[in-house]
């Protein structure tokens, strides 16, 4: 089985022109790791990723045991 290297950036994707309302899935562990950093605004409960603000819309537990967060791009 080929495993991803732990140093790989889970937020890196090809799309770079995010717009308000766009959604993306990110491993829940990666999102949770941003809490307590400058990337998380606890007052507004949004994350700053790729120069945009993102809110967690849902957490999904997959059959393979992994959890992902659905993030939605929100206005500045």
N, C-alpha and C. Protein backbone atom coordinates (compact mmCIF):
# COMPACT_ATOMS: atom_id res chain seq x y z
N UNK A 1 0.84 -1.17 0.00
CA UNK A 1 0.00 0.00 0.00
C UNK A 1 0.89 1.24 0.00
N UNK A 2 0.57 2.21 -0.84
CA UNK A 2 1.32 3.46 -0.89
C UNK A 2 0.65 4.45 0.05
N UNK A 3 1.43 5.03 0.96
CA UNK A 3 0.89 5.99 1.91
C UNK A 3 1.43 7.38 1.57
N UNK A 4 0.61 8.39 1.81
CA UNK A 4 1.05 9.75 1.63
C UNK A 4 2.07 10.11 2.70
N UNK A 5 3.05 10.88 2.33
CA UNK A 5 4.02 11.33 3.31
C UNK A 5 3.33 12.27 4.29
N UNK A 6 3.69 12.18 5.56
CA UNK A 6 3.06 13.01 6.58
C UNK A 6 3.34 14.48 6.35
N UNK A 7 4.41 14.82 5.66
CA UNK A 7 4.75 16.22 5.45
C UNK A 7 3.94 16.85 4.32
N UNK A 8 3.16 16.07 3.59
CA UNK A 8 2.36 16.60 2.50
C UNK A 8 1.33 17.59 3.05
N UNK A 9 1.10 18.66 2.32
CA UNK A 9 0.16 19.70 2.74
C UNK A 9 -1.26 19.27 2.37
N UNK A 10 -2.12 18.98 3.36
CA UNK A 10 -3.48 18.53 3.05
C UNK A 10 -4.36 19.63 2.45
N UNK A 11 -3.90 20.88 2.50
CA UNK A 11 -4.69 21.99 1.96
C UNK A 11 -4.30 22.33 0.52
N UNK A 12 -3.21 21.75 0.04
CA UNK A 12 -2.74 22.07 -1.30
C UNK A 12 -3.62 21.40 -2.35
N UNK A 13 -4.20 22.22 -3.21
CA UNK A 13 -5.04 21.74 -4.31
C UNK A 13 -4.72 22.55 -5.56
N UNK A 14 -5.14 22.05 -6.70
CA UNK A 14 -4.86 22.75 -7.94
C UNK A 14 -5.63 24.05 -8.06
N UNK A 15 -6.87 24.05 -7.59
CA UNK A 15 -7.70 25.24 -7.72
C UNK A 15 -7.17 26.34 -6.81
N UNK A 16 -7.01 27.53 -7.32
CA UNK A 16 -6.51 28.64 -6.52
C UNK A 16 -7.43 29.86 -6.57
N UNK A 17 -8.42 29.86 -7.43
CA UNK A 17 -9.30 31.02 -7.57
C UNK A 17 -10.62 30.78 -6.83
N UNK A 18 -10.54 30.71 -5.51
CA UNK A 18 -11.73 30.42 -4.69
C UNK A 18 -12.66 31.61 -4.66
N UNK A 19 -13.95 31.31 -4.66
CA UNK A 19 -14.98 32.34 -4.58
C UNK A 19 -15.90 32.03 -3.40
N UNK A 20 -16.58 33.04 -2.90
CA UNK A 20 -17.53 32.86 -1.81
C UNK A 20 -18.56 31.81 -2.23
N UNK A 21 -18.78 30.83 -1.35
CA UNK A 21 -19.72 29.75 -1.64
C UNK A 21 -19.06 28.47 -2.10
N UNK A 22 -17.80 28.55 -2.55
CA UNK A 22 -17.08 27.34 -2.96
C UNK A 22 -16.89 26.43 -1.76
N UNK A 23 -16.86 25.12 -2.01
CA UNK A 23 -16.64 24.14 -0.95
C UNK A 23 -15.45 23.27 -1.28
N UNK A 24 -14.83 22.74 -0.22
CA UNK A 24 -13.72 21.80 -0.39
C UNK A 24 -13.72 20.85 0.80
N UNK A 25 -13.19 19.65 0.58
CA UNK A 25 -13.06 18.67 1.66
C UNK A 25 -11.61 18.60 2.09
N UNK A 26 -11.40 18.60 3.40
CA UNK A 26 -10.06 18.56 3.98
C UNK A 26 -10.08 17.56 5.12
N UNK A 27 -9.00 16.80 5.31
CA UNK A 27 -8.98 15.87 6.45
C UNK A 27 -9.26 16.62 7.76
N UNK A 28 -10.13 16.07 8.59
CA UNK A 28 -10.52 16.72 9.84
C UNK A 28 -9.32 16.97 10.74
N UNK A 29 -8.35 16.07 10.76
CA UNK A 29 -7.16 16.25 11.60
C UNK A 29 -6.38 17.50 11.20
N UNK A 30 -6.33 17.79 9.90
CA UNK A 30 -5.62 18.98 9.43
C UNK A 30 -6.34 20.25 9.87
N UNK A 31 -7.66 20.23 9.80
CA UNK A 31 -8.44 21.39 10.23
C UNK A 31 -8.29 21.58 11.74
N UNK A 32 -8.39 20.50 12.50
CA UNK A 32 -8.26 20.58 13.95
C UNK A 32 -6.88 21.10 14.36
N UNK A 33 -5.86 20.79 13.59
CA UNK A 33 -4.50 21.23 13.91
C UNK A 33 -4.35 22.75 13.77
N UNK A 34 -5.24 23.41 13.05
CA UNK A 34 -5.16 24.86 12.88
C UNK A 34 -5.69 25.63 14.08
N UNK A 35 -6.48 24.97 14.93
CA UNK A 35 -6.98 25.65 16.12
C UNK A 35 -5.80 26.03 17.00
N UNK A 36 -5.87 27.20 17.58
CA UNK A 36 -4.78 27.68 18.42
C UNK A 36 -3.66 28.34 17.63
N UNK A 37 -3.84 28.48 16.31
CA UNK A 37 -2.86 29.18 15.48
C UNK A 37 -3.49 30.45 14.93
N UNK A 38 -2.69 31.25 14.25
CA UNK A 38 -3.21 32.48 13.64
C UNK A 38 -4.17 32.19 12.50
N UNK A 39 -4.21 30.96 12.02
CA UNK A 39 -5.09 30.60 10.90
C UNK A 39 -6.54 30.42 11.35
N UNK A 40 -6.79 30.40 12.67
CA UNK A 40 -8.15 30.19 13.17
C UNK A 40 -8.62 31.41 13.95
N UNK A 41 -9.78 31.92 13.60
CA UNK A 41 -10.40 33.04 14.30
C UNK A 41 -11.51 32.47 15.17
N UNK A 42 -11.25 32.36 16.47
CA UNK A 42 -12.21 31.71 17.36
C UNK A 42 -13.47 32.56 17.55
N UNK A 43 -13.38 33.87 17.39
CA UNK A 43 -14.56 34.72 17.54
C UNK A 43 -15.55 34.47 16.41
N UNK A 44 -15.06 34.48 15.17
CA UNK A 44 -15.94 34.25 14.01
C UNK A 44 -16.04 32.77 13.64
N UNK A 45 -15.22 31.94 14.26
CA UNK A 45 -15.16 30.50 13.98
C UNK A 45 -14.91 30.23 12.49
N UNK A 46 -13.90 30.90 11.96
CA UNK A 46 -13.48 30.70 10.57
C UNK A 46 -11.98 30.44 10.52
N UNK A 47 -11.56 29.79 9.45
CA UNK A 47 -10.16 29.48 9.22
C UNK A 47 -9.66 30.30 8.04
N UNK A 48 -8.43 30.78 8.10
CA UNK A 48 -7.83 31.47 6.96
C UNK A 48 -6.89 30.48 6.27
N UNK A 49 -7.31 30.09 5.05
CA UNK A 49 -6.56 29.12 4.25
C UNK A 49 -6.52 29.66 2.82
N UNK A 50 -5.37 29.62 2.21
CA UNK A 50 -5.21 30.07 0.81
C UNK A 50 -5.69 31.51 0.61
N UNK A 51 -5.51 32.35 1.61
CA UNK A 51 -5.89 33.76 1.48
C UNK A 51 -7.38 34.04 1.55
N UNK A 52 -8.17 33.04 1.88
CA UNK A 52 -9.64 33.20 2.00
C UNK A 52 -10.08 32.75 3.38
N UNK A 53 -11.31 33.07 3.74
CA UNK A 53 -11.89 32.65 5.02
C UNK A 53 -12.84 31.48 4.77
N UNK A 54 -12.73 30.45 5.62
CA UNK A 54 -13.50 29.22 5.46
C UNK A 54 -14.20 28.86 6.75
N UNK A 55 -15.43 28.40 6.64
CA UNK A 55 -16.21 27.92 7.79
C UNK A 55 -16.50 26.44 7.60
N UNK A 56 -16.43 25.69 8.71
CA UNK A 56 -16.75 24.27 8.66
C UNK A 56 -18.25 24.12 8.51
N UNK A 57 -18.67 23.50 7.41
CA UNK A 57 -20.09 23.27 7.16
C UNK A 57 -20.53 21.91 7.66
N UNK A 58 -19.64 20.93 7.62
CA UNK A 58 -20.00 19.56 8.04
C UNK A 58 -18.74 18.77 8.32
N UNK A 59 -18.90 17.75 9.17
CA UNK A 59 -17.87 16.74 9.40
C UNK A 59 -18.46 15.42 8.94
N UNK A 60 -17.68 14.71 8.14
CA UNK A 60 -18.16 13.45 7.58
C UNK A 60 -17.21 12.34 8.01
N UNK A 61 -17.77 11.28 8.57
CA UNK A 61 -16.99 10.09 8.90
C UNK A 61 -17.18 9.09 7.78
N UNK A 62 -16.10 8.71 7.15
CA UNK A 62 -16.16 7.79 6.02
C UNK A 62 -16.06 6.35 6.50
N UNK A 63 -16.48 5.43 5.64
CA UNK A 63 -16.47 4.00 5.97
C UNK A 63 -15.06 3.48 6.25
N UNK A 64 -14.04 4.13 5.67
CA UNK A 64 -12.67 3.68 5.90
C UNK A 64 -12.09 4.20 7.21
N UNK A 65 -12.90 4.90 8.00
CA UNK A 65 -12.48 5.38 9.30
C UNK A 65 -11.94 6.79 9.31
N UNK A 66 -11.75 7.39 8.15
CA UNK A 66 -11.25 8.76 8.09
C UNK A 66 -12.39 9.75 8.24
N UNK A 67 -12.07 10.89 8.81
CA UNK A 67 -13.04 11.98 8.93
C UNK A 67 -12.56 13.15 8.09
N UNK A 68 -13.49 13.80 7.41
CA UNK A 68 -13.17 14.99 6.63
C UNK A 68 -14.11 16.11 7.03
N UNK A 69 -13.64 17.32 6.84
CA UNK A 69 -14.47 18.50 7.06
C UNK A 69 -14.82 19.09 5.70
N UNK A 70 -16.05 19.50 5.54
CA UNK A 70 -16.46 20.25 4.36
C UNK A 70 -16.36 21.72 4.74
N UNK A 71 -15.48 22.44 4.05
CA UNK A 71 -15.29 23.86 4.31
C UNK A 71 -15.97 24.66 3.22
N UNK A 72 -16.62 25.76 3.61
CA UNK A 72 -17.25 26.67 2.66
C UNK A 72 -16.58 28.02 2.75
N UNK A 73 -16.22 28.57 1.60
CA UNK A 73 -15.59 29.89 1.54
C UNK A 73 -16.64 30.95 1.89
N UNK A 74 -16.28 31.84 2.82
CA UNK A 74 -17.21 32.89 3.26
C UNK A 74 -16.62 34.26 2.98
N UNK A 75 -17.45 35.28 3.07
CA UNK A 75 -17.01 36.65 2.79
C UNK A 75 -16.02 37.15 3.82
N UNK A 76 -15.22 38.09 3.40
CA UNK A 76 -14.22 38.68 4.28
C UNK A 76 -14.85 39.46 5.38
